Protein backbone atom coordinates (compact mmCIF):
# COMPACT_ATOMS: atom_id res chain seq x y z
CA UNK A 1 38.65 21.68 19.22
CA UNK A 2 40.38 22.93 16.32
CA UNK A 3 42.04 26.21 16.48
CA UNK A 4 41.70 27.79 12.73
CA UNK A 5 43.09 31.24 13.56
CA UNK A 6 45.81 31.62 16.08
CA UNK A 7 46.91 34.78 18.53
CA UNK A 8 50.38 34.97 17.37
CA UNK A 9 49.20 35.38 13.69
CA UNK A 10 45.92 37.49 14.38
CA UNK A 11 45.38 38.85 17.93
CA UNK A 12 42.85 36.23 18.92
CA UNK A 13 42.57 32.48 19.00
CA UNK A 14 39.72 31.17 16.88
CA UNK A 15 38.56 27.52 17.32
CA UNK A 16 35.70 25.66 16.34
CA UNK A 17 34.81 22.55 18.70
CA UNK A 18 34.58 19.13 17.31
CA UNK A 19 31.61 18.39 19.36
CA UNK A 20 29.44 20.98 18.83
CA UNK A 21 25.78 21.60 17.04
CA UNK A 22 24.80 24.28 14.37
CA UNK A 23 24.40 26.49 13.43
CA UNK A 24 28.24 26.96 12.19
CA UNK A 25 29.94 28.83 14.73
CA UNK A 26 33.70 29.52 16.28
CA UNK A 27 34.74 30.61 19.90
CA UNK A 28 37.27 33.12 20.35
CA UNK A 29 39.63 33.48 23.35
CA UNK A 30 42.40 35.73 24.37
CA UNK A 31 43.66 37.00 27.99
CA UNK A 32 40.67 35.04 29.48
CA UNK A 33 37.88 36.75 27.61
CA UNK A 34 35.63 34.64 25.66
CA UNK A 35 33.07 35.34 22.68
CA UNK A 36 30.52 33.21 20.42
CA UNK A 37 29.84 34.34 17.05
CA UNK A 38 27.78 32.78 14.46
CA UNK A 39 29.17 32.78 11.05
CA UNK A 40 25.98 32.69 8.44
CA UNK A 41 26.22 36.07 8.99
CA UNK A 42 28.92 36.95 11.02
CA UNK A 43 26.85 37.91 14.38
CA UNK A 44 28.29 38.33 18.13
CA UNK A 45 25.96 35.73 19.85
CA UNK A 46 28.12 35.94 23.70
CA UNK A 47 30.57 37.98 24.92
CA UNK A 48 32.69 37.81 28.47
CA UNK A 49 35.22 40.45 28.45
CA UNK A 50 35.21 41.95 25.36
CA UNK A 51 35.41 45.73 24.65
CA UNK A 52 33.33 47.31 21.76
CA UNK A 53 36.66 48.02 20.06
CA UNK A 54 37.94 44.62 20.21
CA UNK A 55 34.05 43.22 19.18
CA UNK A 56 35.08 45.33 15.95
CA UNK A 57 38.34 43.72 15.39
CA UNK A 58 37.06 40.17 15.78
CA UNK A 59 33.99 40.71 13.65
CA UNK A 60 36.29 42.14 10.72
CA UNK A 61 38.70 38.89 11.05
CA UNK A 62 35.51 36.84 11.18
CA UNK A 63 34.37 38.06 7.86
CA UNK A 64 37.42 38.26 6.37
CA UNK A 65 38.24 34.88 6.94
CA UNK A 66 34.35 33.25 6.59
CA UNK A 67 34.57 31.22 4.08
CA UNK A 68 37.51 29.45 5.29
CA UNK A 69 35.70 29.15 8.74
CA UNK A 70 32.48 27.96 7.28
CA UNK A 71 34.74 25.24 4.92
CA UNK A 72 36.14 24.12 8.21
CA UNK A 73 32.94 23.57 10.16
CA UNK A 74 31.47 21.60 7.14
CA UNK A 75 34.70 19.20 6.66
CA UNK A 76 34.05 18.69 10.52
CA UNK A 77 30.28 18.74 10.95
CA UNK A 78 29.07 17.75 7.55
């Protein structure tokens, strides 16, 4: 698991698991809540605990950092 964006800077931990499969996606964590989002395009796939306001914040964060996240996915998974 590689943490790409962390809670201290962005309010959420955004990670890519190193033993994952496509399509490119990330997992977002905070306070016992978790969410899975695909990166191309950014789309929430599963949510456990985040509310609608947090969804918007997470989506905006992932869209802002989409290029970085996709580069890291490619680096880790080819």
